[in-house]
Amino acid sequence: MIFITFFILGLIIGSFLNVVVYRLRVAESIAHGRSKCPNCQKQIVWYDNIPLLSFILLRQRCRYCREKISYQYPLVEVGTGLLFALVGLNFFNMADLTTWTTTLYYLGVISFLVAIFVYDFLYMEIPDLVLWPAVTWVIAFGLILEGGQGGQGGIGLIYSGVLAAFVAFAFFFALVAVSKEKWMGMGDAYLVILLGLILGWPNILLALFLAFGMGAIFGLVLIVLKKKKMQSQIPFAPFLILGTLLALFWYAPIVNWYLGLF
């Protein structure tokens, strides 16, 4: 029941995040009226805006202009739904009210990370209008949860988070400075401040290790397939966020598996 409830909630929030990404790109207010078809600009009626279901029933096409609807929309909805379900399964207990705040915190974190992931993947840019509100969200809830619950729910706490954010930012800033933003952009350096605050120390190290590993493998595959060249740039924020999510939900199993190899 928890899985289904949080999955459905994630579908709804995922649909909203698609709107956020689109409107940030075209510089429209998020509160600016109902959704429109990007192609014909017709307003989308409510029954064509049901997460996932409408995409299936419309057979991936706009009702009015018949333009194909991008797979981005259902993928973001389903991905957000699964992540919300993971939060529910890992942190929520209906009978324990203290878990409600922790769960709300992580649902917010997931929402911010998904928006940044999608935006950077599409446009190779990390939106400040999402990043810095996310930092504020994490610090505010960190103070609340540290003071009221002693850090229950696995939150890295303020001191651990600040240490992780500082070390991660210093490392990325050095990469940016040495390469003059050829290896890494300042947006990524600012992003790891958020990720460090979320994970704390030393969990951020696993996230960075996984991110660089996945990014290297992905880049090599693209080069082998002749989709990219050695000097080509690829968005790195999605790998940083994937590494963060893996460290958030499976830090202990991954570390134990790795140490067991030696």
Protein backbone atom coordinates (compact mmCIF):
# COMPACT_ATOMS: atom_id res chain seq x y z
CA MET A 1 0.00 0.00 0.00
CA ILE A 2 2.83 2.41 0.86
CA PHE A 3 4.54 1.66 -2.46
CA ILE A 4 1.38 2.32 -4.49
CA THR A 5 0.46 5.49 -2.58
CA PHE A 6 3.89 7.06 -2.92
CA PHE A 7 4.26 5.89 -6.53
CA ILE A 8 1.01 7.63 -7.52
CA LEU A 9 2.08 10.76 -5.65
CA GLY A 10 5.40 10.60 -7.50
CA LEU A 11 3.61 10.34 -10.86
CA ILE A 12 1.71 13.54 -10.07
CA ILE A 13 4.82 15.41 -8.87
CA GLY A 14 6.78 14.08 -11.86
CA SER A 15 4.17 15.58 -14.19
CA PHE A 16 4.55 18.91 -12.38
CA LEU A 17 8.36 18.71 -12.65
CA ASN A 18 8.06 18.31 -16.43
CA VAL A 19 6.13 21.58 -16.45
CA VAL A 20 8.78 23.22 -14.25
CA VAL A 21 11.59 22.17 -16.61
CA TYR A 22 9.73 23.38 -19.70
CA ARG A 23 8.71 26.73 -18.21
CA LEU A 24 12.16 27.42 -16.83
CA ARG A 25 13.54 26.96 -20.32
CA VAL A 26 11.03 29.28 -22.01
CA ALA A 27 11.13 31.72 -19.07
CA GLU A 28 7.46 31.32 -18.17
CA SER A 29 6.07 31.53 -14.67
CA ILE A 30 5.38 28.13 -13.12
CA ALA A 31 2.02 29.49 -11.94
CA HIS A 32 1.19 30.78 -15.43
CA GLY A 33 -2.08 29.09 -16.40
CA ARG A 34 -2.66 25.54 -17.58
CA SER A 35 -0.27 23.40 -19.61
CA LYS A 36 -0.13 23.82 -23.39
CA CYS A 37 1.12 21.68 -26.24
CA PRO A 38 4.65 22.96 -27.04
CA ASN A 39 3.88 22.58 -30.77
CA CYS A 40 0.36 23.97 -31.37
CA GLN A 41 0.02 25.92 -28.08
CA LYS A 42 -3.47 24.50 -27.46
CA GLN A 43 -4.36 24.20 -23.80
CA ILE A 44 -4.29 20.62 -22.58
CA VAL A 45 -7.62 19.52 -21.10
CA TRP A 46 -7.54 17.82 -17.72
CA TYR A 47 -8.28 14.32 -19.06
CA ASP A 48 -5.30 14.58 -21.41
CA ASN A 49 -3.05 15.60 -18.54
CA ILE A 50 -3.34 12.51 -16.33
CA PRO A 51 0.20 11.32 -15.55
CA LEU A 52 1.30 8.31 -17.63
CA LEU A 53 -2.27 7.22 -18.45
CA SER A 54 -2.94 10.08 -20.88
CA PHE A 55 0.35 9.41 -22.69
CA ILE A 56 -0.75 5.81 -23.25
CA LEU A 57 -4.35 6.62 -24.25
CA LEU A 58 -3.25 9.38 -26.66
CA ARG A 59 -0.72 6.98 -28.19
CA GLN A 60 2.09 9.49 -27.74
CA ARG A 61 0.44 12.24 -29.79
CA CYS A 62 -1.19 15.60 -29.10
CA ARG A 63 -4.98 15.39 -29.46
CA TYR A 64 -5.07 18.52 -31.64
CA CYS A 65 -1.96 18.74 -33.85
CA ARG A 66 -0.98 15.03 -33.66
CA GLU A 67 2.61 15.99 -32.91
CA LYS A 68 4.48 13.26 -31.05
CA ILE A 69 4.77 13.68 -27.30
CA SER A 70 8.32 13.20 -26.04
CA TYR A 71 9.10 10.10 -23.99
CA GLN A 72 10.64 12.53 -21.50
CA TYR A 73 7.21 13.04 -19.93
CA PRO A 74 6.31 9.46 -18.94
CA LEU A 75 9.92 8.63 -18.10
CA VAL A 76 10.18 11.53 -15.65
CA GLU A 77 6.78 10.66 -14.17
CA VAL A 78 7.61 6.98 -13.70
CA GLY A 79 11.13 7.73 -12.45
CA THR A 80 9.80 10.19 -9.88
CA GLY A 81 7.12 7.70 -8.89
CA LEU A 82 9.68 4.96 -8.23
CA LEU A 83 11.92 7.31 -6.25
CA PHE A 84 8.98 8.50 -4.15
CA ALA A 85 8.07 4.86 -3.52
CA LEU A 86 11.62 4.20 -2.33
CA VAL A 87 11.35 7.13 0.07
CA GLY A 88 8.06 5.80 1.40
CA LEU A 89 9.43 2.29 1.90
CA ASN A 90 12.64 3.49 3.56
CA PHE A 91 11.51 6.37 5.74
CA PHE A 92 7.73 6.45 6.24
CA ASN A 93 5.81 4.81 9.05
CA MET A 94 2.12 5.72 9.30
CA ALA A 95 2.07 5.03 13.04
CA ASP A 96 5.17 7.12 13.79
CA LEU A 97 4.52 10.84 13.30
CA THR A 98 8.22 11.65 13.63
CA THR A 99 8.82 9.94 10.27
CA TRP A 100 6.40 12.24 8.47
CA THR A 101 8.78 15.22 8.57
CA THR A 102 11.71 13.08 7.46
CA THR A 103 9.63 11.69 4.60
CA LEU A 104 8.53 15.18 3.50
CA TYR A 105 12.17 16.27 3.55
CA TYR A 106 13.28 13.45 1.26
CA LEU A 107 10.33 13.88 -1.10
CA GLY A 108 11.39 17.50 -1.52
CA VAL A 109 15.01 16.47 -2.06
CA ILE A 110 13.97 13.96 -4.73
CA SER A 111 11.82 16.56 -6.50
CA PHE A 112 14.66 19.09 -6.65
CA LEU A 113 17.16 16.48 -7.85
CA VAL A 114 14.85 15.18 -10.59
CA ALA A 115 14.28 18.72 -11.91
CA ILE A 116 18.03 19.42 -11.99
CA PHE A 117 18.74 16.01 -13.57
CA VAL A 118 16.28 16.54 -16.42
CA TYR A 119 17.22 20.17 -17.07
CA ASP A 120 20.94 19.49 -17.23
CA PHE A 121 20.42 16.36 -19.34
CA LEU A 122 18.41 18.33 -21.90
CA TYR A 123 20.21 21.68 -21.88
CA MET A 124 23.61 21.10 -20.18
CA GLU A 125 22.82 23.78 -17.63
CA ILE A 126 21.99 23.66 -13.92
CA PRO A 127 19.13 26.08 -13.16
CA ASP A 128 19.86 28.43 -10.26
CA LEU A 129 16.11 28.81 -9.69
CA VAL A 130 16.03 25.14 -8.62
CA LEU A 131 19.51 24.70 -7.11
CA TRP A 132 19.51 27.43 -4.46
CA PRO A 133 15.94 26.83 -3.22
CA ALA A 134 17.02 23.19 -2.88
CA VAL A 135 20.02 24.23 -0.75
CA THR A 136 17.67 26.32 1.43
CA TRP A 137 15.27 23.35 1.75
CA VAL A 138 18.05 21.00 2.89
CA ILE A 139 19.54 23.44 5.42
CA ALA A 140 16.11 24.36 6.86
CA PHE A 141 15.03 20.75 7.31
CA GLY A 142 18.49 19.80 8.56
CA LEU A 143 18.10 22.31 11.40
CA ILE A 144 14.56 21.13 12.16
CA LEU A 145 15.38 17.44 12.14
CA GLU A 146 18.66 17.80 13.99
CA GLY A 147 17.01 19.86 16.72
CA GLY A 148 13.80 17.88 17.00
CA GLN A 149 14.79 14.32 16.19
CA GLY A 150 18.55 14.09 16.59
CA GLY A 151 19.01 13.55 12.85
CA GLN A 152 16.58 10.64 12.57
CA GLY A 153 16.16 9.22 9.08
CA GLY A 154 19.81 9.18 8.08
CA ILE A 155 20.13 12.89 7.37
CA GLY A 156 23.82 13.89 7.48
CA LEU A 157 23.17 16.69 10.02
CA ILE A 158 24.47 20.22 9.59
CA TYR A 159 28.12 19.66 10.56
CA SER A 160 28.56 16.51 8.51
CA GLY A 161 26.73 18.10 5.59
CA VAL A 162 28.81 21.28 5.68
CA LEU A 163 32.04 19.25 5.77
CA ALA A 164 30.93 17.13 2.80
CA ALA A 165 29.77 20.21 0.87
CA PHE A 166 33.05 22.05 1.52
CA VAL A 167 35.30 19.13 0.49
CA ALA A 168 33.24 18.36 -2.63
CA PHE A 169 33.10 22.01 -3.69
CA ALA A 170 36.84 22.51 -3.12
CA PHE A 171 37.63 19.47 -5.28
CA PHE A 172 35.33 20.55 -8.10
CA PHE A 173 36.46 24.17 -7.91
CA ALA A 174 40.04 22.97 -8.37
CA LEU A 175 39.00 21.00 -11.47
CA VAL A 176 37.21 24.03 -12.85
CA ALA A 177 40.14 26.35 -12.18
CA VAL A 178 42.83 24.04 -13.57
CA SER A 179 40.87 23.15 -16.71
CA LYS A 180 39.34 26.61 -17.18
CA GLU A 181 35.90 24.92 -17.25
CA LYS A 182 36.87 22.43 -19.96
CA TRP A 183 36.63 19.40 -17.64
CA MET A 184 33.92 20.69 -15.34
CA GLY A 185 31.61 23.70 -15.14
CA MET A 186 30.99 25.93 -12.14
CA GLY A 187 27.39 24.73 -12.15
CA ASP A 188 28.63 21.26 -11.18
CA ALA A 189 30.77 22.78 -8.42
CA TYR A 190 27.72 24.53 -7.00
CA LEU A 191 25.64 21.37 -7.37
CA VAL A 192 27.97 19.30 -5.20
CA ILE A 193 27.38 21.79 -2.37
CA LEU A 194 23.75 20.62 -2.41
CA LEU A 195 24.71 16.96 -2.73
CA GLY A 196 27.21 17.23 0.14
CA LEU A 197 24.56 18.78 2.38
CA ILE A 198 22.15 15.96 1.51
CA LEU A 199 24.51 13.04 2.03
CA GLY A 200 26.96 14.25 4.65
CA TRP A 201 30.41 12.87 5.31
CA PRO A 202 31.73 10.35 4.22
CA ASN A 203 28.72 9.32 2.08
CA ILE A 204 29.48 12.04 -0.45
CA LEU A 205 32.70 10.21 -1.37
CA LEU A 206 30.73 7.19 -2.60
CA ALA A 207 28.43 9.43 -4.64
CA LEU A 208 31.38 11.14 -6.35
CA PHE A 209 33.15 7.82 -6.96
CA LEU A 210 30.02 6.37 -8.58
CA ALA A 211 29.40 9.54 -10.60
CA PHE A 212 32.88 9.60 -12.12
CA GLY A 213 32.74 5.86 -12.80
CA MET A 214 29.35 6.00 -14.52
CA GLY A 215 30.30 9.14 -16.43
CA ALA A 216 33.51 7.55 -17.70
CA ILE A 217 31.73 4.38 -18.84
CA PHE A 218 28.96 6.37 -20.53
CA GLY A 219 31.49 8.59 -22.31
CA LEU A 220 33.51 5.60 -23.55
CA VAL A 221 30.36 3.93 -24.88
CA LEU A 222 29.42 7.08 -26.81
CA ILE A 223 32.94 7.30 -28.25
CA VAL A 224 32.89 3.64 -29.31
CA LEU A 225 29.50 4.18 -30.93
CA LYS A 226 30.92 7.32 -32.59
CA LYS A 227 28.23 9.48 -31.01
CA LYS A 228 30.82 11.69 -29.31
CA LYS A 229 34.50 12.55 -29.68
CA MET A 230 37.16 12.69 -26.97
CA GLN A 231 36.85 16.47 -26.71
CA SER A 232 33.03 16.42 -26.65
CA GLN A 233 31.20 17.54 -23.53
CA ILE A 234 28.45 15.58 -21.83
CA PRO A 235 26.20 16.75 -18.98
CA PHE A 236 27.71 15.58 -15.69
CA ALA A 237 24.96 16.58 -13.26
CA PRO A 238 22.84 13.50 -14.10
CA PHE A 239 25.73 11.23 -13.05
CA LEU A 240 26.29 13.23 -9.86
CA ILE A 241 22.60 12.89 -9.03
CA LEU A 242 22.51 9.18 -9.87
CA GLY A 243 25.53 8.64 -7.63
CA THR A 244 23.81 10.62 -4.88
CA LEU A 245 20.62 8.56 -5.12
CA LEU A 246 22.56 5.30 -5.01
CA ALA A 247 24.48 6.50 -1.95
CA LEU A 248 21.28 7.75 -0.33
CA PHE A 249 19.39 4.48 -0.56
CA TRP A 250 22.12 1.84 -0.71
CA TYR A 251 25.27 3.27 0.88
CA ALA A 252 25.90 0.36 3.28
CA PRO A 253 25.26 -2.49 0.79
CA ILE A 254 27.47 -0.88 -1.87
CA VAL A 255 30.33 -0.17 0.55
CA ASN A 256 30.12 -3.66 2.08
CA TRP A 257 30.12 -5.25 -1.40
CA TYR A 258 33.13 -3.20 -2.44
CA LEU A 259 35.11 -3.98 0.72
CA GLY A 260 34.24 -7.64 0.30
CA LEU A 261 36.19 -7.70 -2.98
CA PHE A 262 39.47 -7.35 -1.09
